[in-house]
Each structure stands twice: as structure tokens, then as C-alpha cells.
PDB file of N, CA and C in Angstrom:
ATOM      1  N   MET A   1     130.748   0.017  14.350  1.00  0.00           N
ATOM      2  CA  MET A   1     130.585   1.103  13.408  1.00  0.00           C
ATOM      3  C   MET A   1     130.400   2.410  14.171  1.00  0.00           C
ATOM      4  N   ALA A   2     131.393   3.225  14.155  1.00  0.00           N
ATOM      5  CA  ALA A   2     131.314   4.519  14.823  1.00  0.00           C
ATOM      6  C   ALA A   2     130.681   5.533  13.884  1.00  0.00           C
ATOM      7  N   MET A   3     129.827   6.352  14.457  1.00  0.00           N
ATOM      8  CA  MET A   3     129.185   7.392  13.661  1.00  0.00           C
ATOM      9  C   MET A   3     130.086   8.618  13.622  1.00  0.00           C
ATOM     10  N   GLY A   4     130.045   9.324  12.523  1.00  0.00           N
ATOM     11  CA  GLY A   4     130.808  10.559  12.409  1.00  0.00           C
ATOM     12  C   GLY A   4     130.150  11.669  13.188  1.00  0.00           C
ATOM     13  N   SER A   5     130.874  12.738  13.416  1.00  0.00           N
ATOM     14  CA  SER A   5     130.332  13.839  14.209  1.00  0.00           C
ATOM     15  C   SER A   5     129.161  14.522  13.505  1.00  0.00           C
ATOM     16  N   GLY A   6     129.147  14.496  12.169  1.00  0.00           N
ATOM     17  CA  GLY A   6     128.023  15.068  11.435  1.00  0.00           C
ATOM     18  C   GLY A   6     126.735  14.313  11.708  1.00  0.00           C
ATOM     19  N   THR A   7     126.831  13.001  11.750  1.00  0.00           N
ATOM     20  CA  THR A   7     125.665  12.183  12.041  1.00  0.00           C
ATOM     21  C   THR A   7     125.219  12.373  13.487  1.00  0.00           C
ATOM     22  N   ASP A   8     126.176  12.486  14.390  1.00  0.00           N
ATOM     23  CA  ASP A   8     125.834  12.731  15.795  1.00  0.00           C
ATOM     24  C   ASP A   8     125.080  14.044  15.954  1.00  0.00           C
ATOM     25  N   MET A   9     125.531  15.085  15.253  1.00  0.00           N
ATOM     26  CA  MET A   9     124.867  16.394  15.338  1.00  0.00           C
ATOM     27  C   MET A   9     123.462  16.334  14.759  1.00  0.00           C
ATOM     28  N   LYS A  10     123.273  15.578  13.696  1.00  0.00           N
ATOM     29  CA  LYS A  10     121.938  15.445  13.107  1.00  0.00           C
ATOM     30  C   LYS A  10     120.995  14.769  14.096  1.00  0.00           C
ATOM     31  N   ILE A  11     121.484  13.743  14.782  1.00  0.00           N
ATOM     32  CA  ILE A  11     120.654  13.038  15.761  1.00  0.00           C
ATOM     33  C   ILE A  11     120.312  13.971  16.925  1.00  0.00           C
ATOM     34  N   ILE A  12     121.305  14.693  17.423  1.00  0.00           N
ATOM     35  CA  ILE A  12     121.071  15.627  18.527  1.00  0.00           C
ATOM     36  C   ILE A  12     120.076  16.714  18.102  1.00  0.00           C
ATOM     37  N   SER A  13     120.230  17.217  16.894  1.00  0.00           N
ATOM     38  CA  SER A  13     119.336  18.268  16.418  1.00  0.00           C
ATOM     39  C   SER A  13     117.905  17.751  16.277  1.00  0.00           C
ATOM     40  N   LEU A  14     117.742  16.530  15.796  1.00  0.00           N
ATOM     41  CA  LEU A  14     116.398  15.968  15.684  1.00  0.00           C
ATOM     42  C   LEU A  14     115.768  15.749  17.063  1.00  0.00           C
ATOM     43  N   VAL A  15     116.574  15.334  18.019  1.00  0.00           N
ATOM     44  CA  VAL A  15     116.077  15.172  19.391  1.00  0.00           C
ATOM     45  C   VAL A  15     115.636  16.526  19.947  1.00  0.00           C
ATOM     46  N   LEU A  16     116.413  17.579  19.703  1.00  0.00           N
ATOM     47  CA  LEU A  16     116.040  18.914  20.178  1.00  0.00           C
ATOM     48  C   LEU A  16     114.767  19.416  19.509  1.00  0.00           C
ATOM     49  N   ILE A  17     114.607  19.129  18.228  1.00  0.00           N
ATOM     50  CA  ILE A  17     113.397  19.548  17.513  1.00  0.00           C
ATOM     51  C   ILE A  17     112.173  18.849  18.102  1.00  0.00           C
ATOM     52  N   VAL A  18     112.274  17.541  18.287  1.00  0.00           N
ATOM     53  CA  VAL A  18     111.152  16.782  18.849  1.00  0.00           C
ATOM     54  C   VAL A  18     110.864  17.229  20.280  1.00  0.00           C
ATOM     55  N   LEU A  19     111.909  17.458  21.064  1.00  0.00           N
ATOM     56  CA  LEU A  19     111.745  17.931  22.433  1.00  0.00           C
ATOM     57  C   LEU A  19     111.054  19.295  22.456  1.00  0.00           C
ATOM     58  N   GLY A  20     111.463  20.185  21.566  1.00  0.00           N
ATOM     59  CA  GLY A  20     110.846  21.512  21.498  1.00  0.00           C
ATOM     60  C   GLY A  20     109.370  21.447  21.158  1.00  0.00           C
ATOM     61  N   ILE A  21     109.019  20.594  20.198  1.00  0.00           N
ATOM     62  CA  ILE A  21     107.610  20.436  19.834  1.00  0.00           C
ATOM     63  C   ILE A  21     106.838  19.838  21.004  1.00  0.00           C
ATOM     64  N   GLY A  22     107.440  18.847  21.662  1.00  0.00           N
ATOM     65  CA  GLY A  22     106.787  18.222  22.802  1.00  0.00           C
ATOM     66  C   GLY A  22     106.533  19.193  23.941  1.00  0.00           C
ATOM     67  N   LEU A  23     107.503  20.037  24.247  1.00  0.00           N
ATOM     68  CA  LEU A  23     107.329  21.027  25.316  1.00  0.00           C
ATOM     69  C   LEU A  23     106.241  22.038  24.964  1.00  0.00           C
ATOM     70  N   ALA A  24     106.206  22.458  23.709  1.00  0.00           N
ATOM     71  CA  ALA A  24     105.179  23.418  23.289  1.00  0.00           C
ATOM     72  C   ALA A  24     103.784  22.796  23.376  1.00  0.00           C
ATOM     73  N   VAL A  25     103.660  21.545  22.965  1.00  0.00           N
ATOM     74  CA  VAL A  25     102.362  20.860  23.047  1.00  0.00           C
ATOM     75  C   VAL A  25     101.956  20.681  24.504  1.00  0.00           C
ATOM     76  N   TRP A  26     102.918  20.308  25.354  1.00  0.00           N
ATOM     77  CA  TRP A  26     102.627  20.145  26.781  1.00  0.00           C
ATOM     78  C   TRP A  26     102.172  21.473  27.381  1.00  0.00           C
ATOM     79  N   GLY A  27     102.819  22.557  27.015  1.00  0.00           N
ATOM     80  CA  GLY A  27     102.413  23.877  27.491  1.00  0.00           C
ATOM     81  C   GLY A  27     101.017  24.240  27.027  1.00  0.00           C
ATOM     82  N   HIS A  28     100.703  23.901  25.787  1.00  0.00           N
ATOM     83  CA  HIS A  28      99.364  24.196  25.254  1.00  0.00           C
ATOM     84  C   HIS A  28      98.294  23.393  25.999  1.00  0.00           C
ATOM     85  N   GLN A  29      98.592  22.113  26.266  1.00  0.00           N
ATOM     86  CA  GLN A  29      97.639  21.293  27.018  1.00  0.00           C
ATOM     87  C   GLN A  29      97.474  21.817  28.446  1.00  0.00           C
ATOM     88  N   LEU A  30      98.562  22.252  29.040  1.00  0.00           N
ATOM     89  CA  LEU A  30      98.510  22.776  30.398  1.00  0.00           C
ATOM     90  C   LEU A  30      97.729  24.093  30.449  1.00  0.00           C
ATOM     91  N   SER A  31      97.774  24.863  29.378  1.00  0.00           N
ATOM     92  CA  SER A  31      97.058  26.141  29.370  1.00  0.00           C
ATOM     93  C   SER A  31      95.550  25.937  29.336  1.00  0.00           C
ATOM     94  N   ASP A  32      95.106  24.741  28.953  1.00  0.00           N
ATOM     95  CA  ASP A  32      93.669  24.453  28.950  1.00  0.00           C
ATOM     96  C   ASP A  32      93.172  23.899  30.278  1.00  0.00           C
ATOM     97  N   SER A  33      94.058  23.775  31.282  1.00  0.00           N
ATOM     98  CA  SER A  33      93.639  23.230  32.577  1.00  0.00           C
ATOM     99  C   SER A  33      92.779  24.252  33.324  1.00  0.00           C
ATOM    100  N   VAL A  34      92.033  23.761  34.291  1.00  0.00           N
ATOM    101  CA  VAL A  34      91.122  24.626  35.059  1.00  0.00           C
ATOM    102  C   VAL A  34      91.904  25.689  35.827  1.00  0.00           C
ATOM    103  N   GLY A  35      93.002  25.279  36.474  1.00  0.00           N
ATOM    104  CA  GLY A  35      93.797  26.245  37.233  1.00  0.00           C
ATOM    105  C   GLY A  35      94.384  27.333  36.355  1.00  0.00           C
ATOM    106  N   SER A  36      94.847  26.946  35.187  1.00  0.00           N
ATOM    107  CA  SER A  36      95.424  27.923  34.274  1.00  0.00           C
ATOM    108  C   SER A  36      94.348  28.859  33.731  1.00  0.00           C
ATOM    109  N   GLN A  37      93.178  28.319  33.441  1.00  0.00           N
ATOM    110  CA  GLN A  37      92.090  29.170  32.947  1.00  0.00           C
ATOM    111  C   GLN A  37      91.629  30.154  34.013  1.00  0.00           C
ATOM    112  N   LEU A  38      91.645  29.719  35.274  1.00  0.00           N
ATOM    113  CA  LEU A  38      91.293  30.621  36.371  1.00  0.00           C
ATOM    114  C   LEU A  38      92.321  31.746  36.489  1.00  0.00           C
ATOM    115  N   THR A  39      93.598  31.385  36.379  1.00  0.00           N
ATOM    116  CA  THR A  39      94.657  32.397  36.428  1.00  0.00           C
ATOM    117  C   THR A  39      94.525  33.371  35.265  1.00  0.00           C
ATOM    118  N   GLN A  40      94.222  32.846  34.078  1.00  0.00           N
ATOM    119  CA  GLN A  40      94.043  33.721  32.915  1.00  0.00           C
ATOM    120  C   GLN A  40      92.860  34.660  33.106  1.00  0.00           C
ATOM    121  N   ALA A  41      91.789  34.150  33.707  1.00  0.00           N
ATOM    122  CA  ALA A  41      90.604  34.984  33.922  1.00  0.00           C
ATOM    123  C   ALA A  41      90.885  36.102  34.922  1.00  0.00           C
ATOM    124  N   LEU A  42      91.685  35.804  35.954  1.00  0.00           N
ATOM    125  CA  LEU A  42      91.949  36.798  36.991  1.00  0.00           C
ATOM    126  C   LEU A  42      93.055  37.777  36.623  1.00  0.00           C
ATOM    127  N   THR A  43      94.117  37.282  35.982  1.00  0.00           N
ATOM    128  CA  THR A  43      95.267  38.141  35.694  1.00  0.00           C
ATOM    129  C   THR A  43      95.362  38.565  34.231  1.00  0.00           C
ATOM    130  N   GLY A  44      94.730  37.816  33.350  1.00  0.00           N
ATOM    131  CA  GLY A  44      94.789  38.136  31.934  1.00  0.00           C
ATOM    132  C   GLY A  44      96.020  37.586  31.232  1.00  0.00           C
ATOM    133  N   SER A  45      96.827  36.800  31.933  1.00  0.00           N
ATOM    134  CA  SER A  45      98.025  36.234  31.305  1.00  0.00           C
ATOM    135  C   SER A  45      98.159  34.759  31.685  1.00  0.00           C
ATOM    136  N   ASP A  46      98.991  34.065  30.921  1.00  0.00           N
ATOM    137  CA  ASP A  46      99.226  32.650  31.184  1.00  0.00           C
ATOM    138  C   ASP A  46     100.026  32.478  32.470  1.00  0.00           C
ATOM    139  N   THR A  47      99.977  31.268  33.030  1.00  0.00           N
ATOM    140  CA  THR A  47     100.754  30.979  34.232  1.00  0.00           C
ATOM    141  C   THR A  47     102.236  30.907  33.872  1.00  0.00           C
ATOM    142  N   ASP A  48     103.069  31.008  34.887  1.00  0.00           N
ATOM    143  CA  ASP A  48     104.517  30.963  34.680  1.00  0.00           C
ATOM    144  C   ASP A  48     104.949  29.625  34.094  1.00  0.00           C
ATOM    145  N   LYS A  49     104.335  28.531  34.536  1.00  0.00           N
ATOM    146  CA  LYS A  49     104.719  27.216  34.037  1.00  0.00           C
ATOM    147  C   LYS A  49     104.420  27.089  32.546  1.00  0.00           C
ATOM    148  N   VAL A  50     103.272  27.587  32.125  1.00  0.00           N
ATOM    149  CA  VAL A  50     102.914  27.531  30.699  1.00  0.00           C
ATOM    150  C   VAL A  50     103.908  28.353  29.885  1.00  0.00           C
ATOM    151  N   MET A  51     104.207  29.546  30.343  1.00  0.00           N
ATOM    152  CA  MET A  51     105.141  30.394  29.611  1.00  0.00           C
ATOM    153  C   MET A  51     106.540  29.779  29.572  1.00  0.00           C
ATOM    154  N   THR A  52     106.956  29.146  30.679  1.00  0.00           N
ATOM    155  CA  THR A  52     108.256  28.482  30.713  1.00  0.00           C
ATOM    156  C   THR A  52     108.314  27.348  29.697  1.00  0.00           C
ATOM    157  N   LEU A  53     107.247  26.564  29.604  1.00  0.00           N
ATOM    158  CA  LEU A  53     107.216  25.473  28.631  1.00  0.00           C
ATOM    159  C   LEU A  53     107.232  26.002  27.200  1.00  0.00           C
ATOM    160  N   TYR A  54     106.492  27.071  26.943  1.00  0.00           N
ATOM    161  CA  TYR A  54     106.503  27.674  25.599  1.00  0.00           C
ATOM    162  C   TYR A  54     107.902  28.181  25.228  1.00  0.00           C
ATOM    163  N   ILE A  55     108.536  28.892  26.139  1.00  0.00           N
ATOM    164  CA  ILE A  55     109.852  29.470  25.858  1.00  0.00           C
ATOM    165  C   ILE A  55     110.907  28.381  25.699  1.00  0.00           C
ATOM    166  N   ALA A  56     110.883  27.387  26.592  1.00  0.00           N
ATOM    167  CA  ALA A  56     111.849  26.287  26.490  1.00  0.00           C
ATOM    168  C   ALA A  56     111.625  25.487  25.212  1.00  0.00           C
ATOM    169  N   GLY A  57     110.380  25.274  24.850  1.00  0.00           N
ATOM    170  CA  GLY A  57     110.072  24.561  23.610  1.00  0.00           C
ATOM    171  C   GLY A  57     110.554  25.320  22.388  1.00  0.00           C
ATOM    172  N   LEU A  58     110.327  26.611  22.374  1.00  0.00           N
ATOM    173  CA  LEU A  58     110.775  27.421  21.246  1.00  0.00           C
ATOM    174  C   LEU A  58     112.295  27.445  21.148  1.00  0.00           C
ATOM    175  N   ALA A  59     112.956  27.622  22.281  1.00  0.00           N
ATOM    176  CA  ALA A  59     114.425  27.655  22.280  1.00  0.00           C
ATOM    177  C   ALA A  59     115.000  26.326  21.806  1.00  0.00           C
ATOM    178  N   SER A  60     114.459  25.228  22.299  1.00  0.00           N
ATOM    179  CA  SER A  60     114.936  23.905  21.893  1.00  0.00           C
ATOM    180  C   SER A  60     114.702  23.684  20.403  1.00  0.00           C
ATOM    181  N   PHE A  61     113.542  24.078  19.912  1.00  0.00           N
ATOM    182  CA  PHE A  61     113.213  23.919  18.505  1.00  0.00           C
ATOM    183  C   PHE A  61     114.149  24.739  17.617  1.00  0.00           C
ATOM    184  N   VAL A  62     114.383  25.986  17.986  1.00  0.00           N
ATOM    185  CA  VAL A  62     115.242  26.863  17.182  1.00  0.00           C
ATOM    186  C   VAL A  62     116.685  26.350  17.158  1.00  0.00           C
ATOM    187  N   VAL A  63     117.200  25.929  18.309  1.00  0.00           N
ATOM    188  CA  VAL A  63     118.566  25.380  18.348  1.00  0.00           C
ATOM    189  C   VAL A  63     118.642  24.103  17.528  1.00  0.00           C
ATOM    190  N   GLY A  64     117.624  23.269  17.607  1.00  0.00           N
ATOM    191  CA  GLY A  64     117.585  22.041  16.819  1.00  0.00           C
ATOM    192  C   GLY A  64     117.586  22.321  15.328  1.00  0.00           C
ATOM    193  N   ILE A  65     116.793  23.278  14.898  1.00  0.00           N
ATOM    194  CA  ILE A  65     116.756  23.651  13.467  1.00  0.00           C
ATOM    195  C   ILE A  65     118.116  24.207  13.043  1.00  0.00           C
ATOM    196  N   TYR A  66     118.708  25.049  13.886  1.00  0.00           N
ATOM    197  CA  TYR A  66     120.008  25.624  13.551  1.00  0.00           C
ATOM    198  C   TYR A  66     121.054  24.529  13.389  1.00  0.00           C
ATOM    199  N   LEU A  67     121.108  23.610  14.342  1.00  0.00           N
ATOM    200  CA  LEU A  67     122.099  22.533  14.259  1.00  0.00           C
ATOM    201  C   LEU A  67     121.841  21.611  13.083  1.00  0.00           C
ATOM    202  N   PHE A  68     120.568  21.412  12.741  1.00  0.00           N
ATOM    203  CA  PHE A  68     120.238  20.518  11.628  1.00  0.00           C
ATOM    204  C   PHE A  68     120.643  21.128  10.297  1.00  0.00           C
ATOM    205  N   THR A  69     120.472  22.440  10.148  1.00  0.00           N
ATOM    206  CA  THR A  69     120.768  23.076   8.868  1.00  0.00           C
ATOM    207  C   THR A  69     122.232  23.496   8.727  1.00  0.00           C
ATOM    208  N   ARG A  70     122.956  23.525   9.835  1.00  0.00           N
ATOM    209  CA  ARG A  70     124.368  23.894   9.788  1.00  0.00           C
ATOM    210  C   ARG A  70     125.188  22.781   9.138  1.00  0.00           C
ATOM    211  N   ASN A  71     126.161  23.161   8.383  1.00  0.00           N
ATOM    212  CA  ASN A  71     126.998  22.148   7.698  1.00  0.00           C
ATOM    213  C   ASN A  71     128.012  21.572   8.586  1.00  0.00           C
TER     214      ASN A  71
END
């Protein structure tokens, strides 16, 4: 049973949505680490790794939502 391309896109979009949420949660957990809190205290901003995870998570989530809602 071969799946149609519409079903394939839905699966890919759901994977991207879950991946985006996972990356954002991982970034949030990483921002609570001691090293990250020290960096925040000294510089006033999040570490590069935390920001990278947030941005990648958001991008993955948005692309996943777009692909899921597209006909």
C-alpha cells in the first residue's frame, strides 16, 4: 500500500511540528542550567546555543504548520 503525496506531506509536517516543539523545550531546559544562568547574569542575554535551539524550533514549527495546513 503506497501512500499518496498528501499523506506523506502530512507525516513530514507532523514530524516538523513535534521536532520544533522538542527543540524549544530543550532550549528552555538548557536556559535553566548553571552555565546559562551565569552567562545571563554577566551579559544579560541567553547563550548562543539556547538562542539557536529557540530559533530552530520556531522555524521547524512554523514550516510544519504551513505544510500541514497547505492543500
